[in-house]
Amino acid sequence: MALEDVITTEDVFNASTEIAARIGSIGKWLQAIGIIVIVWIALQVVNWIFNKKRIKRLDLLRGDMERIEKKVDKLLKK
């Protein structure tokens, strides 16, 4: 009976490889999530840059529209 309760080194090796395999699979999932987050952040930065350029163009157009409105108002007052 005492011999059946003894844990062999093979059992310990099998258990440790199973634990390492599970930790490795968790690591792969974490890597995949990290890559997704990095790609998402990169896309957000690119989107922000394009939006900043569009906002600058809209501000220029708004300024031009205000100048044109002032000139039209001057012409209509005469």
PDB file of N, CA and C in Angstrom:
ATOM      1  N   MET A   1       0.808  -1.187   0.000  1.00  0.00           N
ATOM      2  CA  MET A   1       0.000   0.000   0.000  1.00  0.00           C
ATOM      3  C   MET A   1       0.853   1.253   0.000  1.00  0.00           C
ATOM      4  N   ALA A   2       1.920   1.225   0.714  1.00  0.00           N
ATOM      5  CA  ALA A   2       2.771   2.402   0.781  1.00  0.00           C
ATOM      6  C   ALA A   2       3.435   2.646  -0.563  1.00  0.00           C
ATOM      7  N   LEU A   3       3.675   1.585  -1.311  1.00  0.00           N
ATOM      8  CA  LEU A   3       4.310   1.753  -2.614  1.00  0.00           C
ATOM      9  C   LEU A   3       3.365   2.385  -3.634  1.00  0.00           C
ATOM     10  N   GLU A   4       2.066   2.171  -3.486  1.00  0.00           N
ATOM     11  CA  GLU A   4       1.113   2.750  -4.426  1.00  0.00           C
ATOM     12  C   GLU A   4       0.970   4.256  -4.230  1.00  0.00           C
ATOM     13  N   ASP A   5       1.233   4.740  -3.037  1.00  0.00           N
ATOM     14  CA  ASP A   5       1.095   6.159  -2.751  1.00  0.00           C
ATOM     15  C   ASP A   5       2.328   6.966  -3.157  1.00  0.00           C
ATOM     16  N   VAL A   6       3.364   6.331  -3.528  1.00  0.00           N
ATOM     17  CA  VAL A   6       4.599   7.024  -3.887  1.00  0.00           C
ATOM     18  C   VAL A   6       4.424   7.679  -5.264  1.00  0.00           C
ATOM     19  N   ILE A   7       4.809   8.927  -5.330  1.00  0.00           N
ATOM     20  CA  ILE A   7       4.736   9.657  -6.605  1.00  0.00           C
ATOM     21  C   ILE A   7       6.065   9.470  -7.316  1.00  0.00           C
ATOM     22  N   THR A   8       5.999   9.049  -8.547  1.00  0.00           N
ATOM     23  CA  THR A   8       7.225   8.831  -9.301  1.00  0.00           C
ATOM     24  C   THR A   8       7.645  10.126  -9.989  1.00  0.00           C
ATOM     25  N   THR A   9       8.885  10.148 -10.422  1.00  0.00           N
ATOM     26  CA  THR A   9       9.384  11.331 -11.112  1.00  0.00           C
ATOM     27  C   THR A   9       8.705  11.489 -12.466  1.00  0.00           C
ATOM     28  N   GLU A  10       8.242  10.402 -13.028  1.00  0.00           N
ATOM     29  CA  GLU A  10       7.533  10.479 -14.310  1.00  0.00           C
ATOM     30  C   GLU A  10       6.210  11.219 -14.142  1.00  0.00           C
ATOM     31  N   ASP A  11       5.510  10.981 -13.037  1.00  0.00           N
ATOM     32  CA  ASP A  11       4.262  11.690 -12.757  1.00  0.00           C
ATOM     33  C   ASP A  11       4.505  13.190 -12.582  1.00  0.00           C
ATOM     34  N   VAL A  12       5.577  13.519 -11.884  1.00  0.00           N
ATOM     35  CA  VAL A  12       5.912  14.929 -11.678  1.00  0.00           C
ATOM     36  C   VAL A  12       6.259  15.577 -13.011  1.00  0.00           C
ATOM     37  N   PHE A  13       7.006  14.872 -13.849  1.00  0.00           N
ATOM     38  CA  PHE A  13       7.383  15.392 -15.158  1.00  0.00           C
ATOM     39  C   PHE A  13       6.148  15.629 -16.020  1.00  0.00           C
ATOM     40  N   ASN A  14       5.220  14.663 -16.033  1.00  0.00           N
ATOM     41  CA  ASN A  14       3.996  14.814 -16.816  1.00  0.00           C
ATOM     42  C   ASN A  14       3.158  15.986 -16.329  1.00  0.00           C
ATOM     43  N   ALA A  15       3.074  16.141 -15.027  1.00  0.00           N
ATOM     44  CA  ALA A  15       2.302  17.243 -14.457  1.00  0.00           C
ATOM     45  C   ALA A  15       2.946  18.584 -14.789  1.00  0.00           C
ATOM     46  N   SER A  16       4.257  18.644 -14.704  1.00  0.00           N
ATOM     47  CA  SER A  16       4.936  19.916 -14.985  1.00  0.00           C
ATOM     48  C   SER A  16       4.832  20.275 -16.462  1.00  0.00           C
ATOM     49  N   THR A  17       4.893  19.286 -17.355  1.00  0.00           N
ATOM     50  CA  THR A  17       4.754  19.599 -18.782  1.00  0.00           C
ATOM     51  C   THR A  17       3.330  20.046 -19.095  1.00  0.00           C
ATOM     52  N   GLU A  18       2.360  19.461 -18.409  1.00  0.00           N
ATOM     53  CA  GLU A  18       0.971  19.879 -18.618  1.00  0.00           C
ATOM     54  C   GLU A  18       0.766  21.319 -18.148  1.00  0.00           C
ATOM     55  N   ILE A  19       1.333  21.644 -17.012  1.00  0.00           N
ATOM     56  CA  ILE A  19       1.230  23.012 -16.492  1.00  0.00           C
ATOM     57  C   ILE A  19       1.932  23.984 -17.437  1.00  0.00           C
ATOM     58  N   ALA A  20       3.099  23.620 -17.925  1.00  0.00           N
ATOM     59  CA  ALA A  20       3.833  24.488 -18.846  1.00  0.00           C
ATOM     60  C   ALA A  20       3.054  24.678 -20.146  1.00  0.00           C
ATOM     61  N   ALA A  21       2.413  23.633 -20.625  1.00  0.00           N
ATOM     62  CA  ALA A  21       1.623  23.739 -21.855  1.00  0.00           C
ATOM     63  C   ALA A  21       0.441  24.676 -21.657  1.00  0.00           C
ATOM     64  N   ARG A  22      -0.223  24.596 -20.515  1.00  0.00           N
ATOM     65  CA  ARG A  22      -1.355  25.494 -20.248  1.00  0.00           C
ATOM     66  C   ARG A  22      -0.899  26.936 -20.110  1.00  0.00           C
ATOM     67  N   ILE A  23       0.211  27.139 -19.430  1.00  0.00           N
ATOM     68  CA  ILE A  23       0.753  28.495 -19.296  1.00  0.00           C
ATOM     69  C   ILE A  23       1.163  29.024 -20.669  1.00  0.00           C
ATOM     70  N   GLY A  24       1.722  28.169 -21.498  1.00  0.00           N
ATOM     71  CA  GLY A  24       2.099  28.579 -22.846  1.00  0.00           C
ATOM     72  C   GLY A  24       0.902  28.969 -23.684  1.00  0.00           C
ATOM     73  N   SER A  25      -0.196  28.238 -23.561  1.00  0.00           N
ATOM     74  CA  SER A  25      -1.387  28.592 -24.327  1.00  0.00           C
ATOM     75  C   SER A  25      -1.974  29.910 -23.844  1.00  0.00           C
ATOM     76  N   ILE A  26      -1.912  30.158 -22.539  1.00  0.00           N
ATOM     77  CA  ILE A  26      -2.360  31.445 -22.006  1.00  0.00           C
ATOM     78  C   ILE A  26      -1.461  32.556 -22.528  1.00  0.00           C
ATOM     79  N   GLY A  27      -0.180  32.289 -22.594  1.00  0.00           N
ATOM     80  CA  GLY A  27       0.765  33.271 -23.123  1.00  0.00           C
ATOM     81  C   GLY A  27       0.474  33.614 -24.573  1.00  0.00           C
ATOM     82  N   LYS A  28       0.109  32.621 -25.360  1.00  0.00           N
ATOM     83  CA  LYS A  28      -0.226  32.885 -26.765  1.00  0.00           C
ATOM     84  C   LYS A  28      -1.466  33.756 -26.882  1.00  0.00           C
ATOM     85  N   TRP A  29      -2.461  33.497 -26.030  1.00  0.00           N
ATOM     86  CA  TRP A  29      -3.662  34.336 -26.043  1.00  0.00           C
ATOM     87  C   TRP A  29      -3.320  35.764 -25.649  1.00  0.00           C
ATOM     88  N   LEU A  30      -2.489  35.934 -24.647  1.00  0.00           N
ATOM     89  CA  LEU A  30      -2.091  37.275 -24.226  1.00  0.00           C
ATOM     90  C   LEU A  30      -1.318  37.985 -25.323  1.00  0.00           C
ATOM     91  N   GLN A  31      -0.481  37.256 -26.042  1.00  0.00           N
ATOM     92  CA  GLN A  31       0.245  37.836 -27.168  1.00  0.00           C
ATOM     93  C   GLN A  31      -0.703  38.291 -28.249  1.00  0.00           C
ATOM     94  N   ALA A  32      -1.688  37.473 -28.564  1.00  0.00           N
ATOM     95  CA  ALA A  32      -2.663  37.824 -29.596  1.00  0.00           C
ATOM     96  C   ALA A  32      -3.450  39.066 -29.197  1.00  0.00           C
ATOM     97  N   ILE A  33      -3.858  39.128 -27.941  1.00  0.00           N
ATOM     98  CA  ILE A  33      -4.588  40.308 -27.463  1.00  0.00           C
ATOM     99  C   ILE A  33      -3.692  41.540 -27.517  1.00  0.00           C
ATOM    100  N   GLY A  34      -2.432  41.391 -27.150  1.00  0.00           N
ATOM    101  CA  GLY A  34      -1.487  42.508 -27.213  1.00  0.00           C
ATOM    102  C   GLY A  34      -1.297  43.020 -28.625  1.00  0.00           C
ATOM    103  N   ILE A  35      -1.199  42.116 -29.580  1.00  0.00           N
ATOM    104  CA  ILE A  35      -1.033  42.521 -30.977  1.00  0.00           C
ATOM    105  C   ILE A  35      -2.278  43.257 -31.455  1.00  0.00           C
ATOM    106  N   ILE A  36      -3.448  42.761 -31.072  1.00  0.00           N
ATOM    107  CA  ILE A  36      -4.699  43.432 -31.461  1.00  0.00           C
ATOM    108  C   ILE A  36      -4.750  44.842 -30.877  1.00  0.00           C
ATOM    109  N   VAL A  37      -4.360  44.992 -29.631  1.00  0.00           N
ATOM    110  CA  VAL A  37      -4.375  46.308 -28.997  1.00  0.00           C
ATOM    111  C   VAL A  37      -3.393  47.250 -29.681  1.00  0.00           C
ATOM    112  N   ILE A  38      -2.213  46.766 -30.021  1.00  0.00           N
ATOM    113  CA  ILE A  38      -1.209  47.608 -30.685  1.00  0.00           C
ATOM    114  C   ILE A  38      -1.696  48.041 -32.063  1.00  0.00           C
ATOM    115  N   VAL A  39      -2.295  47.128 -32.824  1.00  0.00           N
ATOM    116  CA  VAL A  39      -2.826  47.482 -34.141  1.00  0.00           C
ATOM    117  C   VAL A  39      -3.955  48.495 -33.997  1.00  0.00           C
ATOM    118  N   TRP A  40      -4.824  48.304 -33.003  1.00  0.00           N
ATOM    119  CA  TRP A  40      -5.922  49.246 -32.772  1.00  0.00           C
ATOM    120  C   TRP A  40      -5.391  50.641 -32.444  1.00  0.00           C
ATOM    121  N   ILE A  41      -4.366  50.719 -31.588  1.00  0.00           N
ATOM    122  CA  ILE A  41      -3.777  52.013 -31.227  1.00  0.00           C
ATOM    123  C   ILE A  41      -3.153  52.666 -32.455  1.00  0.00           C
ATOM    124  N   ALA A  42      -2.460  51.884 -33.283  1.00  0.00           N
ATOM    125  CA  ALA A  42      -1.852  52.437 -34.494  1.00  0.00           C
ATOM    126  C   ALA A  42      -2.925  52.998 -35.425  1.00  0.00           C
ATOM    127  N   LEU A  43      -4.021  52.284 -35.590  1.00  0.00           N
ATOM    128  CA  LEU A  43      -5.103  52.771 -36.446  1.00  0.00           C
ATOM    129  C   LEU A  43      -5.734  54.037 -35.873  1.00  0.00           C
ATOM    130  N   GLN A  44      -5.851  54.117 -34.562  1.00  0.00           N
ATOM    131  CA  GLN A  44      -6.406  55.320 -33.941  1.00  0.00           C
ATOM    132  C   GLN A  44      -5.498  56.525 -34.155  1.00  0.00           C
ATOM    133  N   VAL A  45      -4.190  56.321 -34.100  1.00  0.00           N
ATOM    134  CA  VAL A  45      -3.244  57.416 -34.327  1.00  0.00           C
ATOM    135  C   VAL A  45      -3.351  57.898 -35.767  1.00  0.00           C
ATOM    136  N   VAL A  46      -3.405  56.970 -36.725  1.00  0.00           N
ATOM    137  CA  VAL A  46      -3.540  57.348 -38.131  1.00  0.00           C
ATOM    138  C   VAL A  46      -4.851  58.095 -38.343  1.00  0.00           C
ATOM    139  N   ASN A  47      -5.926  57.610 -37.759  1.00  0.00           N
ATOM    140  CA  ASN A  47      -7.226  58.262 -37.872  1.00  0.00           C
ATOM    141  C   ASN A  47      -7.176  59.669 -37.284  1.00  0.00           C
ATOM    142  N   TRP A  48      -6.527  59.835 -36.158  1.00  0.00           N
ATOM    143  CA  TRP A  48      -6.399  61.141 -35.523  1.00  0.00           C
ATOM    144  C   TRP A  48      -5.638  62.110 -36.414  1.00  0.00           C
ATOM    145  N   ILE A  49      -4.572  61.631 -37.047  1.00  0.00           N
ATOM    146  CA  ILE A  49      -3.783  62.488 -37.937  1.00  0.00           C
ATOM    147  C   ILE A  49      -4.631  62.953 -39.123  1.00  0.00           C
ATOM    148  N   PHE A  50      -5.358  62.027 -39.750  1.00  0.00           N
ATOM    149  CA  PHE A  50      -6.210  62.406 -40.880  1.00  0.00           C
ATOM    150  C   PHE A  50      -7.305  63.380 -40.448  1.00  0.00           C
ATOM    151  N   ASN A  51      -7.901  63.137 -39.304  1.00  0.00           N
ATOM    152  CA  ASN A  51      -8.944  64.035 -38.822  1.00  0.00           C
ATOM    153  C   ASN A  51      -8.395  65.420 -38.513  1.00  0.00           C
ATOM    154  N   LYS A  52      -7.189  65.484 -38.000  1.00  0.00           N
ATOM    155  CA  LYS A  52      -6.576  66.777 -37.708  1.00  0.00           C
ATOM    156  C   LYS A  52      -6.382  67.568 -38.996  1.00  0.00           C
ATOM    157  N   LYS A  53      -5.946  66.898 -40.061  1.00  0.00           N
ATOM    158  CA  LYS A  53      -5.782  67.567 -41.355  1.00  0.00           C
ATOM    159  C   LYS A  53      -7.133  68.045 -41.888  1.00  0.00           C
ATOM    160  N   ARG A  54      -8.167  67.230 -41.746  1.00  0.00           N
ATOM    161  CA  ARG A  54      -9.503  67.625 -42.217  1.00  0.00           C
ATOM    162  C   ARG A  54     -10.027  68.825 -41.438  1.00  0.00           C
ATOM    163  N   ILE A  55      -9.792  68.849 -40.142  1.00  0.00           N
ATOM    164  CA  ILE A  55     -10.254  69.967 -39.321  1.00  0.00           C
ATOM    165  C   ILE A  55      -9.540  71.250 -39.731  1.00  0.00           C
ATOM    166  N   LYS A  56      -8.254  71.163 -40.031  1.00  0.00           N
ATOM    167  CA  LYS A  56      -7.520  72.345 -40.500  1.00  0.00           C
ATOM    168  C   LYS A  56      -8.117  72.864 -41.802  1.00  0.00           C
ATOM    169  N   ARG A  57      -8.432  71.941 -42.731  1.00  0.00           N
ATOM    170  CA  ARG A  57      -9.049  72.360 -43.998  1.00  0.00           C
ATOM    171  C   ARG A  57     -10.401  73.013 -43.764  1.00  0.00           C
ATOM    172  N   LEU A  58     -11.199  72.446 -42.864  1.00  0.00           N
ATOM    173  CA  LEU A  58     -12.504  73.039 -42.565  1.00  0.00           C
ATOM    174  C   LEU A  58     -12.362  74.424 -41.948  1.00  0.00           C
ATOM    175  N   ASP A  59     -11.374  74.615 -41.097  1.00  0.00           N
ATOM    176  CA  ASP A  59     -11.144  75.935 -40.513  1.00  0.00           C
ATOM    177  C   ASP A  59     -10.775  76.944 -41.592  1.00  0.00           C
ATOM    178  N   LEU A  60      -9.950  76.531 -42.550  1.00  0.00           N
ATOM    179  CA  LEU A  60      -9.602  77.423 -43.655  1.00  0.00           C
ATOM    180  C   LEU A  60     -10.835  77.772 -44.478  1.00  0.00           C
ATOM    181  N   LEU A  61     -11.667  76.777 -44.758  1.00  0.00           N
ATOM    182  CA  LEU A  61     -12.891  77.037 -45.510  1.00  0.00           C
ATOM    183  C   LEU A  61     -13.834  77.961 -44.739  1.00  0.00           C
ATOM    184  N   ARG A  62     -13.921  77.770 -43.439  1.00  0.00           N
ATOM    185  CA  ARG A  62     -14.784  78.620 -42.618  1.00  0.00           C
ATOM    186  C   ARG A  62     -14.304  80.067 -42.682  1.00  0.00           C
ATOM    187  N   GLY A  63     -13.000  80.266 -42.584  1.00  0.00           N
ATOM    188  CA  GLY A  63     -12.441  81.618 -42.687  1.00  0.00           C
ATOM    189  C   GLY A  63     -12.733  82.244 -44.044  1.00  0.00           C
ATOM    190  N   ASP A  64     -12.594  81.461 -45.108  1.00  0.00           N
ATOM    191  CA  ASP A  64     -12.893  81.965 -46.450  1.00  0.00           C
ATOM    192  C   ASP A  64     -14.375  82.330 -46.582  1.00  0.00           C
ATOM    193  N   MET A  65     -15.234  81.480 -46.017  1.00  0.00           N
ATOM    194  CA  MET A  65     -16.672  81.749 -46.078  1.00  0.00           C
ATOM    195  C   MET A  65     -17.025  83.041 -45.329  1.00  0.00           C
ATOM    196  N   GLU A  66     -16.400  83.281 -44.203  1.00  0.00           N
ATOM    197  CA  GLU A  66     -16.660  84.498 -43.446  1.00  0.00           C
ATOM    198  C   GLU A  66     -16.218  85.718 -44.231  1.00  0.00           C
ATOM    199  N   ARG A  67     -15.067  85.640 -44.891  1.00  0.00           N
ATOM    200  CA  ARG A  67     -14.607  86.773 -45.710  1.00  0.00           C
ATOM    201  C   ARG A  67     -15.575  87.039 -46.858  1.00  0.00           C
ATOM    202  N   ILE A  68     -16.019  85.959 -47.509  1.00  0.00           N
ATOM    203  CA  ILE A  68     -16.954  86.116 -48.622  1.00  0.00           C
ATOM    204  C   ILE A  68     -18.267  86.716 -48.126  1.00  0.00           C
ATOM    205  N   GLU A  69     -18.770  86.264 -46.979  1.00  0.00           N
ATOM    206  CA  GLU A  69     -20.010  86.814 -46.422  1.00  0.00           C
ATOM    207  C   GLU A  69     -19.868  88.298 -46.113  1.00  0.00           C
ATOM    208  N   LYS A  70     -18.726  88.686 -45.557  1.00  0.00           N
ATOM    209  CA  LYS A  70     -18.509  90.106 -45.262  1.00  0.00           C
ATOM    210  C   LYS A  70     -18.512  90.933 -46.542  1.00  0.00           C
ATOM    211  N   LYS A  71     -17.877  90.440 -47.597  1.00  0.00           N
ATOM    212  CA  LYS A  71     -17.835  91.160 -48.860  1.00  0.00           C
ATOM    213  C   LYS A  71     -19.234  91.256 -49.473  1.00  0.00           C
ATOM    214  N   VAL A  72     -19.996  90.170 -49.388  1.00  0.00           N
ATOM    215  CA  VAL A  72     -21.359  90.187 -49.915  1.00  0.00           C
ATOM    216  C   VAL A  72     -22.212  91.165 -49.118  1.00  0.00           C
ATOM    217  N   ASP A  73     -22.076  91.184 -47.787  1.00  0.00           N
ATOM    218  CA  ASP A  73     -22.814  92.110 -46.961  1.00  0.00           C
ATOM    219  C   ASP A  73     -22.470  93.562 -47.325  1.00  0.00           C
ATOM    220  N   LYS A  74     -21.195  93.845 -47.575  1.00  0.00           N
ATOM    221  CA  LYS A  74     -20.779  95.209 -47.966  1.00  0.00           C
ATOM    222  C   LYS A  74     -21.439  95.585 -49.286  1.00  0.00           C
ATOM    223  N   LEU A  75     -21.446  94.658 -50.240  1.00  0.00           N
ATOM    224  CA  LEU A  75     -22.037  94.935 -51.542  1.00  0.00           C
ATOM    225  C   LEU A  75     -23.551  95.155 -51.427  1.00  0.00           C
ATOM    226  N   LEU A  76     -24.206  94.402 -50.576  1.00  0.00           N
ATOM    227  CA  LEU A  76     -25.666  94.534 -50.421  1.00  0.00           C
ATOM    228  C   LEU A  76     -26.046  95.834 -49.706  1.00  0.00           C
ATOM    229  N   LYS A  77     -25.180  96.332 -48.832  1.00  0.00           N
ATOM    230  CA  LYS A  77     -25.451  97.587 -48.129  1.00  0.00           C
ATOM    231  C   LYS A  77     -25.360  98.768 -49.062  1.00  0.00           C
ATOM    232  N   LYS A  78     -24.569  98.688 -50.114  1.00  0.00           N
ATOM    233  CA  LYS A  78     -24.401  99.809 -51.033  1.00  0.00           C
ATOM    234  C   LYS A  78     -25.565  99.922 -51.898  1.00  0.00           C
TER     235      LYS A  78
END
